[in-house]
Amino acid sequence: MRKIKFRAWDKEQNKYFYFDLLNIDSIFTMHQLNNWNEILTIEQFTGIKDKEGVEIYEGDIIEFGAKLCVVEFCECHYELISTDEKFINTLYNSEWDELEVIGNIHENPELLEEGK
């Protein structure tokens, strides 16, 4: 059974916090916020690693063949959406040895502009 893991992008501190279900309370306690959902963007680990062994999360920018894609959760599965906002493939049906995490939508938004 895979460990259910998350990361939270803190919009005020501009950095990620990583946690799992066992310490999920700590992320919200640390921020001591009633409005945490306005400050944190929560992204879940997909359970898949790229060809270099890097864990793939929602919001990651993936190089898939000649295309750049963003990992998005849609209707109970993860999808690869290209920079021109077209559906490419479900993450689970993709050739994993072709996937490479090259950034994420928060720290590397310029990659999305370059890919258009």
N, C-alpha and C. Protein backbone atom coordinates (compact mmCIF):
# COMPACT_ATOMS: atom_id res chain seq x y z
N MET A 1 0.83 -1.17 0.00
CA MET A 1 0.00 0.00 0.00
C MET A 1 0.89 1.25 0.00
N ARG A 2 0.57 2.20 -0.86
CA ARG A 2 1.39 3.41 -0.94
C ARG A 2 1.00 4.39 0.16
N LYS A 3 1.98 5.14 0.57
CA LYS A 3 1.77 6.17 1.58
C LYS A 3 1.06 7.36 0.91
N ILE A 4 0.03 7.87 1.55
CA ILE A 4 -0.70 9.02 1.01
C ILE A 4 0.00 10.28 1.51
N LYS A 5 0.61 11.00 0.55
CA LYS A 5 1.42 12.16 0.88
C LYS A 5 0.89 13.39 0.16
N PHE A 6 1.21 14.53 0.74
CA PHE A 6 0.78 15.81 0.20
C PHE A 6 1.92 16.81 0.28
N ARG A 7 1.73 17.88 -0.45
CA ARG A 7 2.55 19.07 -0.27
C ARG A 7 1.60 20.26 -0.30
N ALA A 8 1.98 21.31 0.39
CA ALA A 8 1.17 22.52 0.43
C ALA A 8 2.03 23.69 -0.01
N TRP A 9 1.56 24.42 -1.01
CA TRP A 9 2.25 25.62 -1.44
C TRP A 9 1.74 26.78 -0.59
N ASP A 10 2.63 27.42 0.13
CA ASP A 10 2.28 28.56 0.97
C ASP A 10 2.45 29.82 0.13
N LYS A 11 1.33 30.48 -0.18
CA LYS A 11 1.34 31.65 -1.06
C LYS A 11 2.02 32.85 -0.41
N GLU A 12 2.07 32.89 0.92
CA GLU A 12 2.71 34.01 1.61
C GLU A 12 4.22 33.82 1.71
N GLN A 13 4.65 32.59 2.00
CA GLN A 13 6.08 32.32 2.16
C GLN A 13 6.75 31.85 0.87
N ASN A 14 5.94 31.57 -0.16
CA ASN A 14 6.44 31.10 -1.45
C ASN A 14 7.34 29.88 -1.30
N LYS A 15 6.83 28.88 -0.58
CA LYS A 15 7.58 27.63 -0.46
C LYS A 15 6.62 26.48 -0.15
N TYR A 16 7.13 25.27 -0.37
CA TYR A 16 6.35 24.07 -0.12
C TYR A 16 6.59 23.53 1.28
N PHE A 17 5.56 22.91 1.83
CA PHE A 17 5.63 22.11 3.05
C PHE A 17 5.14 20.72 2.67
N TYR A 18 5.88 19.69 3.04
CA TYR A 18 5.53 18.31 2.72
C TYR A 18 5.00 17.62 3.97
N PHE A 19 3.97 16.80 3.80
CA PHE A 19 3.38 16.10 4.94
C PHE A 19 2.60 14.89 4.45
N ASP A 20 2.24 14.02 5.39
CA ASP A 20 1.39 12.87 5.07
C ASP A 20 0.19 12.89 6.00
N LEU A 21 -0.65 11.89 5.92
CA LEU A 21 -1.87 11.87 6.72
C LEU A 21 -1.59 11.82 8.22
N LEU A 22 -0.43 11.29 8.60
CA LEU A 22 -0.10 11.19 10.02
C LEU A 22 0.21 12.55 10.64
N ASN A 23 0.71 13.48 9.83
CA ASN A 23 1.04 14.79 10.40
C ASN A 23 0.31 15.93 9.70
N ILE A 24 -0.84 15.64 9.16
CA ILE A 24 -1.61 16.66 8.44
C ILE A 24 -2.03 17.80 9.36
N ASP A 25 -2.32 17.49 10.62
CA ASP A 25 -2.72 18.55 11.56
C ASP A 25 -1.62 19.57 11.76
N SER A 26 -0.38 19.12 11.70
CA SER A 26 0.73 20.04 11.97
C SER A 26 0.82 21.16 10.94
N ILE A 27 0.47 20.88 9.70
CA ILE A 27 0.56 21.91 8.66
C ILE A 27 -0.45 23.02 8.93
N PHE A 28 -1.63 22.65 9.41
CA PHE A 28 -2.65 23.65 9.70
C PHE A 28 -2.39 24.34 11.04
N THR A 29 -1.88 23.61 12.01
CA THR A 29 -1.52 24.19 13.30
C THR A 29 -0.38 25.19 13.12
N MET A 30 0.59 24.82 12.29
CA MET A 30 1.74 25.68 12.05
C MET A 30 1.29 27.03 11.49
N HIS A 31 0.30 27.02 10.64
CA HIS A 31 -0.17 28.26 10.04
C HIS A 31 -1.18 28.98 10.93
N GLN A 32 -1.77 28.24 11.88
CA GLN A 32 -2.73 28.80 12.82
C GLN A 32 -3.73 29.72 12.12
N LEU A 33 -4.36 29.16 11.13
CA LEU A 33 -5.26 29.97 10.31
C LEU A 33 -6.66 29.38 10.27
N ASN A 34 -7.61 30.26 10.32
CA ASN A 34 -8.98 29.84 10.04
C ASN A 34 -9.21 29.84 8.54
N ASN A 35 -8.43 30.64 7.83
CA ASN A 35 -8.58 30.77 6.38
C ASN A 35 -7.40 30.13 5.65
N TRP A 36 -6.96 28.96 6.10
CA TRP A 36 -5.79 28.29 5.51
C TRP A 36 -5.97 28.05 4.02
N ASN A 37 -7.22 27.82 3.59
CA ASN A 37 -7.45 27.51 2.17
C ASN A 37 -7.23 28.73 1.27
N GLU A 38 -7.13 29.91 1.85
CA GLU A 38 -6.79 31.10 1.06
C GLU A 38 -5.28 31.27 0.92
N ILE A 39 -4.53 30.60 1.79
CA ILE A 39 -3.08 30.77 1.80
C ILE A 39 -2.35 29.53 1.29
N LEU A 40 -2.93 28.35 1.51
CA LEU A 40 -2.27 27.10 1.12
C LEU A 40 -2.97 26.47 -0.08
N THR A 41 -2.18 25.97 -1.00
CA THR A 41 -2.68 25.15 -2.10
C THR A 41 -2.19 23.73 -1.83
N ILE A 42 -3.11 22.81 -1.58
CA ILE A 42 -2.77 21.43 -1.24
C ILE A 42 -2.70 20.60 -2.52
N GLU A 43 -1.62 19.83 -2.68
CA GLU A 43 -1.42 18.97 -3.85
C GLU A 43 -1.04 17.58 -3.37
N GLN A 44 -1.65 16.56 -3.97
CA GLN A 44 -1.43 15.18 -3.53
C GLN A 44 -0.39 14.47 -4.41
N PHE A 45 0.38 13.60 -3.77
CA PHE A 45 1.32 12.72 -4.48
C PHE A 45 0.51 11.72 -5.29
N THR A 46 0.87 11.52 -6.53
CA THR A 46 0.13 10.63 -7.42
C THR A 46 0.42 9.15 -7.18
N GLY A 47 1.50 8.86 -6.47
CA GLY A 47 1.92 7.48 -6.29
C GLY A 47 2.88 7.02 -7.37
N ILE A 48 3.23 7.92 -8.27
CA ILE A 48 4.10 7.60 -9.41
C ILE A 48 5.36 8.45 -9.33
N LYS A 49 6.47 7.87 -9.74
CA LYS A 49 7.74 8.60 -9.85
C LYS A 49 8.12 8.72 -11.32
N ASP A 50 8.86 9.77 -11.65
CA ASP A 50 9.29 9.94 -13.03
C ASP A 50 10.50 9.07 -13.33
N LYS A 51 11.06 9.22 -14.52
CA LYS A 51 12.17 8.34 -14.94
C LYS A 51 13.42 8.52 -14.09
N GLU A 52 13.52 9.63 -13.35
CA GLU A 52 14.67 9.87 -12.48
C GLU A 52 14.36 9.52 -11.02
N GLY A 53 13.16 9.00 -10.76
CA GLY A 53 12.78 8.64 -9.41
C GLY A 53 12.17 9.77 -8.60
N VAL A 54 11.86 10.90 -9.26
CA VAL A 54 11.26 12.05 -8.58
C VAL A 54 9.75 11.81 -8.44
N GLU A 55 9.24 12.03 -7.23
CA GLU A 55 7.81 11.85 -6.99
C GLU A 55 7.01 12.88 -7.78
N ILE A 56 5.90 12.44 -8.37
CA ILE A 56 5.05 13.31 -9.17
C ILE A 56 3.83 13.71 -8.35
N TYR A 57 3.62 15.02 -8.21
CA TYR A 57 2.50 15.60 -7.48
C TYR A 57 1.59 16.36 -8.44
N GLU A 58 0.37 16.61 -8.00
CA GLU A 58 -0.49 17.55 -8.72
C GLU A 58 0.27 18.86 -8.86
N GLY A 59 0.09 19.54 -9.96
CA GLY A 59 0.75 20.83 -10.15
C GLY A 59 2.16 20.73 -10.70
N ASP A 60 2.68 19.52 -10.84
CA ASP A 60 4.01 19.38 -11.43
C ASP A 60 3.93 19.62 -12.93
N ILE A 61 5.01 20.16 -13.47
CA ILE A 61 5.15 20.32 -14.91
C ILE A 61 6.02 19.17 -15.38
N ILE A 62 5.48 18.43 -16.32
CA ILE A 62 6.08 17.19 -16.80
C ILE A 62 6.47 17.36 -18.26
N GLU A 63 7.66 16.88 -18.59
CA GLU A 63 8.02 16.76 -19.99
C GLU A 63 7.64 15.35 -20.42
N PHE A 64 6.77 15.26 -21.41
CA PHE A 64 6.24 13.98 -21.89
C PHE A 64 6.43 13.95 -23.39
N GLY A 65 7.48 13.25 -23.82
CA GLY A 65 7.83 13.29 -25.23
C GLY A 65 8.28 14.70 -25.57
N ALA A 66 7.65 15.28 -26.56
CA ALA A 66 8.00 16.64 -26.98
C ALA A 66 7.09 17.69 -26.36
N LYS A 67 6.19 17.28 -25.48
CA LYS A 67 5.22 18.21 -24.90
C LYS A 67 5.49 18.48 -23.43
N LEU A 68 5.12 19.68 -23.00
CA LEU A 68 5.09 20.01 -21.59
C LEU A 68 3.65 19.89 -21.12
N CYS A 69 3.47 19.24 -19.98
CA CYS A 69 2.14 19.00 -19.44
C CYS A 69 2.11 19.34 -17.95
N VAL A 70 0.93 19.63 -17.46
CA VAL A 70 0.71 19.84 -16.04
C VAL A 70 -0.12 18.67 -15.52
N VAL A 71 0.23 18.17 -14.35
CA VAL A 71 -0.51 17.09 -13.72
C VAL A 71 -1.71 17.71 -13.00
N GLU A 72 -2.90 17.26 -13.36
CA GLU A 72 -4.14 17.74 -12.76
C GLU A 72 -4.99 16.56 -12.32
N PHE A 73 -5.71 16.74 -11.22
CA PHE A 73 -6.65 15.73 -10.74
C PHE A 73 -8.00 16.03 -11.36
N CYS A 74 -8.59 15.02 -12.00
CA CYS A 74 -9.87 15.22 -12.68
C CYS A 74 -10.69 13.94 -12.59
N GLU A 75 -11.84 14.02 -11.97
CA GLU A 75 -12.78 12.90 -11.90
C GLU A 75 -12.11 11.60 -11.45
N CYS A 76 -11.47 11.63 -10.33
CA CYS A 76 -10.89 10.45 -9.67
C CYS A 76 -9.63 9.89 -10.31
N HIS A 77 -8.98 10.64 -11.18
CA HIS A 77 -7.70 10.20 -11.72
C HIS A 77 -6.85 11.42 -12.08
N TYR A 78 -5.58 11.19 -12.31
CA TYR A 78 -4.66 12.26 -12.68
C TYR A 78 -4.51 12.30 -14.19
N GLU A 79 -4.52 13.51 -14.73
CA GLU A 79 -4.38 13.70 -16.17
C GLU A 79 -3.16 14.56 -16.48
N LEU A 80 -2.62 14.36 -17.65
CA LEU A 80 -1.57 15.23 -18.18
C LEU A 80 -2.24 16.19 -19.15
N ILE A 81 -2.21 17.47 -18.83
CA ILE A 81 -2.83 18.49 -19.67
C ILE A 81 -1.70 19.31 -20.29
N SER A 82 -1.71 19.42 -21.62
CA SER A 82 -0.62 20.14 -22.29
C SER A 82 -0.73 21.64 -22.05
N THR A 83 0.32 22.37 -22.36
CA THR A 83 0.34 23.81 -22.13
C THR A 83 -0.69 24.54 -22.99
N ASP A 84 -1.16 23.90 -24.05
CA ASP A 84 -2.24 24.51 -24.83
C ASP A 84 -3.61 24.04 -24.33
N GLU A 85 -3.61 23.49 -23.11
CA GLU A 85 -4.81 23.09 -22.37
C GLU A 85 -5.59 21.96 -23.03
N LYS A 86 -4.89 21.10 -23.75
CA LYS A 86 -5.52 19.93 -24.34
C LYS A 86 -5.16 18.71 -23.53
N PHE A 87 -6.12 17.82 -23.37
CA PHE A 87 -5.88 16.56 -22.66
C PHE A 87 -4.88 15.73 -23.45
N ILE A 88 -3.87 15.22 -22.78
CA ILE A 88 -2.87 14.39 -23.44
C ILE A 88 -3.10 12.92 -23.10
N ASN A 89 -3.17 12.60 -21.81
CA ASN A 89 -3.27 11.21 -21.40
C ASN A 89 -3.55 11.18 -19.90
N THR A 90 -4.06 10.05 -19.43
CA THR A 90 -4.12 9.89 -17.98
C THR A 90 -2.71 9.56 -17.52
N LEU A 91 -2.38 10.00 -16.35
CA LEU A 91 -1.03 9.76 -15.84
C LEU A 91 -0.76 8.27 -15.73
N TYR A 92 -1.76 7.50 -15.33
CA TYR A 92 -1.55 6.07 -15.11
C TYR A 92 -1.36 5.30 -16.41
N ASN A 93 -1.85 5.83 -17.52
CA ASN A 93 -1.69 5.15 -18.81
C ASN A 93 -0.47 5.62 -19.58
N SER A 94 0.24 6.58 -19.03
CA SER A 94 1.41 7.14 -19.72
C SER A 94 2.60 6.20 -19.59
N GLU A 95 3.52 6.36 -20.50
CA GLU A 95 4.78 5.63 -20.42
C GLU A 95 5.64 6.30 -19.36
N TRP A 96 5.75 5.69 -18.20
CA TRP A 96 6.44 6.31 -17.07
C TRP A 96 7.90 6.59 -17.36
N ASP A 97 8.52 5.76 -18.18
CA ASP A 97 9.93 5.98 -18.46
C ASP A 97 10.15 7.17 -19.39
N GLU A 98 9.07 7.77 -19.88
CA GLU A 98 9.16 8.97 -20.70
C GLU A 98 8.86 10.23 -19.91
N LEU A 99 8.34 10.09 -18.70
CA LEU A 99 7.95 11.25 -17.90
C LEU A 99 9.14 11.83 -17.15
N GLU A 100 9.23 13.15 -17.14
CA GLU A 100 10.28 13.81 -16.36
C GLU A 100 9.71 15.08 -15.74
N VAL A 101 9.79 15.18 -14.41
CA VAL A 101 9.38 16.39 -13.72
C VAL A 101 10.44 17.45 -13.97
N ILE A 102 10.00 18.59 -14.53
CA ILE A 102 10.96 19.67 -14.80
C ILE A 102 10.66 20.92 -13.98
N GLY A 103 9.58 20.88 -13.20
CA GLY A 103 9.23 22.02 -12.36
C GLY A 103 7.82 21.87 -11.85
N ASN A 104 7.25 22.97 -11.37
CA ASN A 104 5.87 22.97 -10.92
C ASN A 104 5.26 24.34 -11.20
N ILE A 105 3.95 24.42 -11.10
CA ILE A 105 3.23 25.63 -11.51
C ILE A 105 3.48 26.83 -10.61
N HIS A 106 3.96 26.60 -9.40
CA HIS A 106 4.19 27.70 -8.46
C HIS A 106 5.60 28.28 -8.57
N GLU A 107 6.58 27.41 -8.61
CA GLU A 107 7.97 27.87 -8.63
C GLU A 107 8.50 28.12 -10.04
N ASN A 108 7.86 27.54 -11.04
CA ASN A 108 8.37 27.64 -12.41
C ASN A 108 7.27 27.97 -13.42
N PRO A 109 6.45 28.99 -13.18
CA PRO A 109 5.36 29.29 -14.12
C PRO A 109 5.86 29.69 -15.51
N GLU A 110 7.11 30.16 -15.59
CA GLU A 110 7.67 30.56 -16.88
C GLU A 110 7.77 29.37 -17.84
N LEU A 111 7.88 28.17 -17.31
CA LEU A 111 7.94 26.99 -18.18
C LEU A 111 6.65 26.80 -18.97
N LEU A 112 5.53 27.19 -18.38
CA LEU A 112 4.26 27.07 -19.08
C LEU A 112 4.17 28.05 -20.24
N GLU A 113 4.74 29.21 -20.07
CA GLU A 113 4.76 30.20 -21.15
C GLU A 113 5.67 29.76 -22.28
N GLU A 114 6.81 29.18 -21.92
CA GLU A 114 7.77 28.70 -22.92
C GLU A 114 7.19 27.55 -23.73
N GLY A 115 6.32 26.74 -23.10
CA GLY A 115 5.77 25.57 -23.76
C GLY A 115 4.64 25.86 -24.72
N LYS A 116 4.17 27.10 -24.72
CA LYS A 116 3.04 27.44 -25.62
C LYS A 116 3.50 27.73 -27.01
